[in-house]
Amino acid sequence: MAKSHGTKSATTKSSATKNSKARVLSSRISYQGPVFSVTTDEVEEPGGVRARRDVIRHSGSIVILAVDETEPVDSTKTSKKKSAKGATKRSTKRSTNKEPSILLERQYRHAAQSVMWELPAGRIDDGETALTAAKRELLEETGFSASRWKRILHFYVSPGFLDETMTIYLAQGLKAGKAQPEEDERIETRFFPLSEAKQMALNGRIRDAKTISGILWLAQMA
């Protein structure tokens, strides 16, 4: 019985440590901008650590993995068969497989000092739900709308100093329309077969984390 009580006590203590949060001793806004703010916090974290933490505060973002499954991909297979007389015959079977294509955007990113291929994405505005923001951003940036939506991933971007979360939505049943980009946006769009997009993510042509996450998720599920 004594051993059982000891195990229960240790489990309870471990659970409490896992679920506890830092105690904020003081907090002030160091920067306030149109997209994010920065707070300087003096905190006491679980385990008794006291520290200054500068945190970028962001309302959160959505990412759209827009997938088109209407384009077939032809594959040809050649097999060898022997006839009754011993002669070798070649037979060719042609099959049509549907490889999904992913909609990517190409635009300049000043922070990265380069032009990058990315999934469509954007900030969640005040009063919006994540899904509403996803539908708005897809239409604005690409002109596409979708009839089917599914939330597939939700994660912190860089929790060491940023509280922004990203939610990736799978968008299917695409319908083309007219894009409505903002004045400072210059966006090129293109569909890539999943196999090509995956290779771009693995060989470094795609260097954007949210895009790599979405592509590899789809490759795993396909």
C-alpha atoms as a PDB file:
ATOM      1  CA  MET A   1       0.000   0.000   0.000  1.00  0.00           C
ATOM      2  CA  ALA A   2       2.841   2.393   0.863  1.00  0.00           C
ATOM      3  CA  LYS A   3       4.346   1.902  -2.597  1.00  0.00           C
ATOM      4  CA  SER A   4       0.989   2.579  -4.227  1.00  0.00           C
ATOM      5  CA  HIS A   5       0.526   5.862  -2.301  1.00  0.00           C
ATOM      6  CA  GLY A   6       4.031   6.955  -3.274  1.00  0.00           C
ATOM      7  CA  THR A   7       3.346   6.369  -6.973  1.00  0.00           C
ATOM      8  CA  LYS A   8       0.099   8.323  -6.811  1.00  0.00           C
ATOM      9  CA  SER A   9       1.793  11.251  -5.094  1.00  0.00           C
ATOM     10  CA  ALA A  10       4.567  11.386  -7.692  1.00  0.00           C
ATOM     11  CA  THR A  11       2.048  11.247 -10.521  1.00  0.00           C
ATOM     12  CA  THR A  12      -0.004  14.082  -9.030  1.00  0.00           C
ATOM     13  CA  LYS A  13       3.078  16.252  -8.560  1.00  0.00           C
ATOM     14  CA  SER A  14       4.246  15.584 -12.136  1.00  0.00           C
ATOM     15  CA  SER A  15       0.796  16.443 -13.504  1.00  0.00           C
ATOM     16  CA  ALA A  16       0.666  19.694 -11.527  1.00  0.00           C
ATOM     17  CA  THR A  17       4.084  20.765 -12.838  1.00  0.00           C
ATOM     18  CA  LYS A  18       3.088  19.943 -16.401  1.00  0.00           C
ATOM     19  CA  ASN A  19      -0.121  21.962 -16.281  1.00  0.00           C
ATOM     20  CA  SER A  20       1.099  24.973 -14.302  1.00  0.00           C
ATOM     21  CA  LYS A  21       1.886  28.324 -15.897  1.00  0.00           C
ATOM     22  CA  ALA A  22       4.340  31.085 -15.138  1.00  0.00           C
ATOM     23  CA  ARG A  23       3.409  33.700 -12.564  1.00  0.00           C
ATOM     24  CA  VAL A  24       3.648  37.117 -14.204  1.00  0.00           C
ATOM     25  CA  LEU A  25       5.310  39.551 -11.798  1.00  0.00           C
ATOM     26  CA  SER A  26       5.117  42.532 -14.160  1.00  0.00           C
ATOM     27  CA  SER A  27       4.295  43.195 -17.790  1.00  0.00           C
ATOM     28  CA  ARG A  28       4.559  46.200 -20.091  1.00  0.00           C
ATOM     29  CA  ILE A  29       4.041  46.818 -23.809  1.00  0.00           C
ATOM     30  CA  SER A  30       7.421  47.531 -25.387  1.00  0.00           C
ATOM     31  CA  TYR A  31       6.106  47.921 -28.937  1.00  0.00           C
ATOM     32  CA  GLN A  32       2.679  48.267 -30.511  1.00  0.00           C
ATOM     33  CA  GLY A  33       2.335  47.883 -34.273  1.00  0.00           C
ATOM     34  CA  PRO A  34      -0.480  47.222 -36.759  1.00  0.00           C
ATOM     35  CA  VAL A  35       0.237  43.481 -37.000  1.00  0.00           C
ATOM     36  CA  PHE A  36       1.809  42.523 -33.653  1.00  0.00           C
ATOM     37  CA  SER A  37       2.961  43.902 -30.317  1.00  0.00           C
ATOM     38  CA  VAL A  38       5.848  43.078 -28.002  1.00  0.00           C
ATOM     39  CA  THR A  39       5.527  42.714 -24.235  1.00  0.00           C
ATOM     40  CA  THR A  40       8.346  42.634 -21.721  1.00  0.00           C
ATOM     41  CA  ASP A  41       7.381  40.316 -18.870  1.00  0.00           C
ATOM     42  CA  GLU A  42       9.084  39.541 -15.576  1.00  0.00           C
ATOM     43  CA  VAL A  43       7.957  36.030 -14.703  1.00  0.00           C
ATOM     44  CA  GLU A  44       8.428  33.188 -12.290  1.00  0.00           C
ATOM     45  CA  GLU A  45       8.198  30.007 -14.297  1.00  0.00           C
ATOM     46  CA  PRO A  46       7.389  26.460 -13.107  1.00  0.00           C
ATOM     47  CA  GLY A  47      10.385  25.151 -11.221  1.00  0.00           C
ATOM     48  CA  GLY A  48      11.087  28.515  -9.620  1.00  0.00           C
ATOM     49  CA  VAL A  49      13.006  30.155 -12.473  1.00  0.00           C
ATOM     50  CA  ARG A  50      12.691  33.957 -12.511  1.00  0.00           C
ATOM     51  CA  ALA A  51      13.421  35.647 -15.821  1.00  0.00           C
ATOM     52  CA  ARG A  52      12.655  38.470 -18.221  1.00  0.00           C
ATOM     53  CA  ARG A  53      10.768  37.300 -21.291  1.00  0.00           C
ATOM     54  CA  ASP A  54      10.200  39.498 -24.350  1.00  0.00           C
ATOM     55  CA  VAL A  55       7.237  38.042 -26.223  1.00  0.00           C
ATOM     56  CA  ILE A  56       5.829  38.939 -29.626  1.00  0.00           C
ATOM     57  CA  ARG A  57       2.030  38.932 -29.365  1.00  0.00           C
ATOM     58  CA  HIS A  58       0.095  37.968 -32.482  1.00  0.00           C
ATOM     59  CA  SER A  59      -3.584  37.243 -33.113  1.00  0.00           C
ATOM     60  CA  GLY A  60      -2.820  33.989 -34.921  1.00  0.00           C
ATOM     61  CA  SER A  61      -2.711  32.911 -38.555  1.00  0.00           C
ATOM     62  CA  ILE A  62      -4.350  30.471 -40.904  1.00  0.00           C
ATOM     63  CA  VAL A  63      -2.803  28.462 -43.741  1.00  0.00           C
ATOM     64  CA  ILE A  64      -4.655  26.932 -46.676  1.00  0.00           C
ATOM     65  CA  LEU A  65      -3.616  23.619 -48.214  1.00  0.00           C
ATOM     66  CA  ALA A  66      -5.695  23.964 -51.393  1.00  0.00           C
ATOM     67  CA  VAL A  67      -5.737  20.655 -53.256  1.00  0.00           C
ATOM     68  CA  ASP A  68      -6.984  19.927 -56.772  1.00  0.00           C
ATOM     69  CA  GLU A  69      -7.630  16.263 -57.504  1.00  0.00           C
ATOM     70  CA  THR A  70      -9.169  16.639 -60.974  1.00  0.00           C
ATOM     71  CA  GLU A  71      -5.981  16.322 -63.065  1.00  0.00           C
ATOM     72  CA  PRO A  72      -5.121  12.696 -63.909  1.00  0.00           C
ATOM     73  CA  VAL A  73      -1.539  11.471 -64.061  1.00  0.00           C
ATOM     74  CA  ASP A  74      -0.824   8.759 -66.664  1.00  0.00           C
ATOM     75  CA  SER A  75       1.489   5.894 -65.748  1.00  0.00           C
ATOM     76  CA  THR A  76       2.631   3.189 -68.154  1.00  0.00           C
ATOM     77  CA  LYS A  77       3.723  -0.273 -67.019  1.00  0.00           C
ATOM     78  CA  THR A  78       5.468  -2.786 -69.284  1.00  0.00           C
ATOM     79  CA  SER A  79       5.550  -6.456 -68.369  1.00  0.00           C
ATOM     80  CA  LYS A  80       7.167  -9.501 -69.978  1.00  0.00           C
ATOM     81  CA  LYS A  81       5.336 -12.769 -70.602  1.00  0.00           C
ATOM     82  CA  LYS A  82       6.496 -16.006 -72.169  1.00  0.00           C
ATOM     83  CA  SER A  83       4.354 -17.741 -74.764  1.00  0.00           C
ATOM     84  CA  ALA A  84       3.812 -21.474 -74.961  1.00  0.00           C
ATOM     85  CA  LYS A  85       6.639 -21.670 -77.531  1.00  0.00           C
ATOM     86  CA  GLY A  86       9.057 -19.915 -75.221  1.00  0.00           C
ATOM     87  CA  ALA A  87       9.047 -16.575 -77.031  1.00  0.00           C
ATOM     88  CA  THR A  88       8.983 -13.441 -74.903  1.00  0.00           C
ATOM     89  CA  LYS A  89       6.081 -11.071 -75.385  1.00  0.00           C
ATOM     90  CA  ARG A  90       5.869  -7.529 -74.058  1.00  0.00           C
ATOM     91  CA  SER A  91       2.534  -6.169 -72.942  1.00  0.00           C
ATOM     92  CA  THR A  92       1.904  -2.567 -71.983  1.00  0.00           C
ATOM     93  CA  LYS A  93      -0.809  -1.575 -69.536  1.00  0.00           C
ATOM     94  CA  ARG A  94      -1.789   2.061 -69.323  1.00  0.00           C
ATOM     95  CA  SER A  95      -3.419   3.196 -66.088  1.00  0.00           C
ATOM     96  CA  THR A  96      -4.647   6.611 -65.064  1.00  0.00           C
ATOM     97  CA  ASN A  97      -3.985   7.668 -61.482  1.00  0.00           C
ATOM     98  CA  LYS A  98      -5.078  10.910 -59.904  1.00  0.00           C
ATOM     99  CA  GLU A  99      -2.187  12.622 -58.174  1.00  0.00           C
ATOM    100  CA  PRO A 100      -3.348  15.632 -56.137  1.00  0.00           C
ATOM    101  CA  SER A 101      -1.949  19.039 -57.023  1.00  0.00           C
ATOM    102  CA  ILE A 102      -1.205  21.736 -54.453  1.00  0.00           C
ATOM    103  CA  LEU A 103      -1.780  25.456 -54.973  1.00  0.00           C
ATOM    104  CA  LEU A 104       1.334  27.465 -54.066  1.00  0.00           C
ATOM    105  CA  GLU A 105       2.065  31.186 -54.094  1.00  0.00           C
ATOM    106  CA  ARG A 106       5.321  32.868 -55.050  1.00  0.00           C
ATOM    107  CA  GLN A 107       6.073  36.246 -53.515  1.00  0.00           C
ATOM    108  CA  TYR A 108       8.925  38.315 -52.118  1.00  0.00           C
ATOM    109  CA  ARG A 109       9.567  38.119 -48.355  1.00  0.00           C
ATOM    110  CA  HIS A 110      11.689  40.963 -47.048  1.00  0.00           C
ATOM    111  CA  ALA A 111      12.569  39.205 -43.770  1.00  0.00           C
ATOM    112  CA  ALA A 112      14.032  36.293 -45.742  1.00  0.00           C
ATOM    113  CA  GLN A 113      15.490  38.566 -48.430  1.00  0.00           C
ATOM    114  CA  SER A 114      14.192  36.255 -51.146  1.00  0.00           C
ATOM    115  CA  VAL A 115      11.246  35.199 -53.282  1.00  0.00           C
ATOM    116  CA  MET A 116       9.588  32.124 -51.804  1.00  0.00           C
ATOM    117  CA  TRP A 117       7.030  29.460 -52.677  1.00  0.00           C
ATOM    118  CA  GLU A 118       4.405  29.170 -49.933  1.00  0.00           C
ATOM    119  CA  LEU A 119       0.922  27.960 -49.157  1.00  0.00           C
ATOM    120  CA  PRO A 120      -1.653  30.772 -49.052  1.00  0.00           C
ATOM    121  CA  ALA A 121      -1.844  32.175 -45.529  1.00  0.00           C
ATOM    122  CA  GLY A 122      -2.781  35.221 -43.528  1.00  0.00           C
ATOM    123  CA  ARG A 123      -3.625  36.779 -40.191  1.00  0.00           C
ATOM    124  CA  ILE A 124      -6.908  36.244 -38.351  1.00  0.00           C
ATOM    125  CA  ASP A 125      -8.577  39.661 -38.130  1.00  0.00           C
ATOM    126  CA  ASP A 126     -10.514  40.891 -35.105  1.00  0.00           C
ATOM    127  CA  GLY A 127     -13.931  39.243 -34.908  1.00  0.00           C
ATOM    128  CA  GLU A 128     -13.039  36.456 -37.359  1.00  0.00           C
ATOM    129  CA  THR A 129     -12.990  32.746 -36.751  1.00  0.00           C
ATOM    130  CA  ALA A 130     -10.039  30.801 -38.129  1.00  0.00           C
ATOM    131  CA  LEU A 131     -12.199  29.213 -40.835  1.00  0.00           C
ATOM    132  CA  THR A 132     -13.678  32.551 -41.912  1.00  0.00           C
ATOM    133  CA  ALA A 133     -10.170  33.980 -42.208  1.00  0.00           C
ATOM    134  CA  ALA A 134      -9.022  30.977 -44.253  1.00  0.00           C
ATOM    135  CA  LYS A 135     -11.861  31.368 -46.752  1.00  0.00           C
ATOM    136  CA  ARG A 136     -11.195  35.107 -47.044  1.00  0.00           C
ATOM    137  CA  GLU A 137      -7.450  34.740 -47.560  1.00  0.00           C
ATOM    138  CA  LEU A 138      -7.790  32.006 -50.193  1.00  0.00           C
ATOM    139  CA  LEU A 139     -10.159  34.170 -52.224  1.00  0.00           C
ATOM    140  CA  GLU A 140      -8.187  37.396 -51.799  1.00  0.00           C
ATOM    141  CA  GLU A 141      -4.774  35.972 -52.620  1.00  0.00           C
ATOM    142  CA  THR A 142      -5.622  33.374 -55.278  1.00  0.00           C
ATOM    143  CA  GLY A 143      -9.197  33.939 -56.470  1.00  0.00           C
ATOM    144  CA  PHE A 144     -10.152  30.383 -55.537  1.00  0.00           C
ATOM    145  CA  SER A 145     -12.986  29.289 -53.284  1.00  0.00           C
ATOM    146  CA  ALA A 146     -13.548  25.786 -51.922  1.00  0.00           C
ATOM    147  CA  SER A 147     -16.635  23.714 -51.127  1.00  0.00           C
ATOM    148  CA  ARG A 148     -14.964  21.418 -48.572  1.00  0.00           C
ATOM    149  CA  TRP A 149     -12.844  22.500 -45.610  1.00  0.00           C
ATOM    150  CA  LYS A 150     -11.094  20.472 -42.919  1.00  0.00           C
ATOM    151  CA  ARG A 151      -8.860  21.601 -40.044  1.00  0.00           C
ATOM    152  CA  ILE A 152      -5.767  19.386 -40.171  1.00  0.00           C
ATOM    153  CA  LEU A 153      -2.950  20.977 -38.133  1.00  0.00           C
ATOM    154  CA  HIS A 154      -2.584  23.520 -35.324  1.00  0.00           C
ATOM    155  CA  PHE A 155       0.800  24.527 -33.912  1.00  0.00           C
ATOM    156  CA  TYR A 156       2.975  27.254 -32.409  1.00  0.00           C
ATOM    157  CA  VAL A 157       5.292  28.918 -34.911  1.00  0.00           C
ATOM    158  CA  SER A 158       8.232  29.671 -32.581  1.00  0.00           C
ATOM    159  CA  PRO A 159       7.181  29.421 -28.917  1.00  0.00           C
ATOM    160  CA  GLY A 160      10.511  30.598 -27.551  1.00  0.00           C
ATOM    161  CA  PHE A 161       9.533  34.228 -28.118  1.00  0.00           C
ATOM    162  CA  LEU A 162       6.324  34.283 -30.189  1.00  0.00           C
ATOM    163  CA  ASP A 163       2.776  33.370 -29.131  1.00  0.00           C
ATOM    164  CA  GLU A 164       1.441  33.102 -32.694  1.00  0.00           C
ATOM    165  CA  THR A 165      -0.337  29.890 -33.600  1.00  0.00           C
ATOM    166  CA  MET A 166      -1.052  28.638 -37.102  1.00  0.00           C
ATOM    167  CA  THR A 167      -4.002  26.528 -38.178  1.00  0.00           C
ATOM    168  CA  ILE A 168      -3.767  24.678 -41.483  1.00  0.00           C
ATOM    169  CA  TYR A 169      -6.983  23.914 -43.354  1.00  0.00           C
ATOM    170  CA  LEU A 170      -7.340  21.398 -46.158  1.00  0.00           C
ATOM    171  CA  ALA A 171      -9.444  23.015 -48.908  1.00  0.00           C
ATOM    172  CA  GLN A 172     -10.988  20.858 -51.643  1.00  0.00           C
ATOM    173  CA  GLY A 173     -13.635  21.262 -54.317  1.00  0.00           C
ATOM    174  CA  LEU A 174     -11.876  24.307 -55.728  1.00  0.00           C
ATOM    175  CA  LYS A 175     -13.552  26.874 -57.946  1.00  0.00           C
ATOM    176  CA  ALA A 176     -11.559  29.547 -59.769  1.00  0.00           C
ATOM    177  CA  GLY A 177     -12.442  33.205 -59.467  1.00  0.00           C
ATOM    178  CA  LYS A 178     -10.820  36.630 -59.417  1.00  0.00           C
ATOM    179  CA  ALA A 179      -8.101  37.350 -56.890  1.00  0.00           C
ATOM    180  CA  GLN A 180      -8.348  40.452 -54.715  1.00  0.00           C
ATOM    181  CA  PRO A 181      -4.810  41.038 -53.395  1.00  0.00           C
ATOM    182  CA  GLU A 182      -3.897  43.960 -51.171  1.00  0.00           C
ATOM    183  CA  GLU A 183      -2.073  46.937 -52.660  1.00  0.00           C
ATOM    184  CA  ASP A 184       1.345  45.819 -51.399  1.00  0.00           C
ATOM    185  CA  GLU A 185       0.960  42.188 -52.544  1.00  0.00           C
ATOM    186  CA  ARG A 186       2.472  40.842 -55.783  1.00  0.00           C
ATOM    187  CA  ILE A 187       1.525  37.177 -55.890  1.00  0.00           C
ATOM    188  CA  GLU A 188       2.110  34.511 -58.536  1.00  0.00           C
ATOM    189  CA  THR A 189       0.140  31.267 -58.161  1.00  0.00           C
ATOM    190  CA  ARG A 190       0.721  27.807 -59.598  1.00  0.00           C
ATOM    191  CA  PHE A 191      -0.414  24.223 -59.017  1.00  0.00           C
ATOM    192  CA  PHE A 192       2.308  21.652 -58.327  1.00  0.00           C
ATOM    193  CA  PRO A 193       1.827  17.859 -58.353  1.00  0.00           C
ATOM    194  CA  LEU A 194       2.190  16.505 -54.828  1.00  0.00           C
ATOM    195  CA  SER A 195       5.308  14.500 -55.739  1.00  0.00           C
ATOM    196  CA  GLU A 196       7.035  17.613 -57.095  1.00  0.00           C
ATOM    197  CA  ALA A 197       5.989  19.769 -54.146  1.00  0.00           C
ATOM    198  CA  LYS A 198       7.294  17.136 -51.733  1.00  0.00           C
ATOM    199  CA  GLN A 199      10.624  17.035 -53.533  1.00  0.00           C
ATOM    200  CA  MET A 200      10.820  20.844 -53.409  1.00  0.00           C
ATOM    201  CA  ALA A 201      10.273  20.704 -49.651  1.00  0.00           C
ATOM    202  CA  LEU A 202      12.945  18.050 -49.154  1.00  0.00           C
ATOM    203  CA  ASN A 203      15.622  19.557 -51.400  1.00  0.00           C
ATOM    204  CA  GLY A 204      15.367  23.090 -50.042  1.00  0.00           C
ATOM    205  CA  ARG A 205      13.509  24.836 -52.867  1.00  0.00           C
ATOM    206  CA  ILE A 206      10.694  25.407 -50.389  1.00  0.00           C
ATOM    207  CA  ARG A 207      12.063  26.905 -47.168  1.00  0.00           C
ATOM    208  CA  ASP A 208       8.863  28.025 -45.476  1.00  0.00           C
ATOM    209  CA  ALA A 209       7.983  25.959 -42.392  1.00  0.00           C
ATOM    210  CA  LYS A 210       4.202  26.111 -42.632  1.00  0.00           C
ATOM    211  CA  THR A 211       4.353  25.063 -46.282  1.00  0.00           C
ATOM    212  CA  ILE A 212       6.697  22.169 -45.575  1.00  0.00           C
ATOM    213  CA  SER A 213       4.358  21.012 -42.785  1.00  0.00           C
ATOM    214  CA  GLY A 214       1.300  21.061 -45.034  1.00  0.00           C
ATOM    215  CA  ILE A 215       2.983  19.311 -47.952  1.00  0.00           C
ATOM    216  CA  LEU A 216       4.465  16.531 -45.810  1.00  0.00           C
ATOM    217  CA  TRP A 217       1.108  16.027 -44.058  1.00  0.00           C
ATOM    218  CA  LEU A 218      -0.602  15.514 -47.410  1.00  0.00           C
ATOM    219  CA  ALA A 219       2.181  13.223 -48.649  1.00  0.00           C
ATOM    220  CA  GLN A 220       1.779  11.112 -45.511  1.00  0.00           C
ATOM    221  CA  MET A 221      -1.997  10.885 -45.929  1.00  0.00           C
ATOM    222  CA  ALA A 222      -2.044  10.312 -49.691  1.00  0.00           C
END
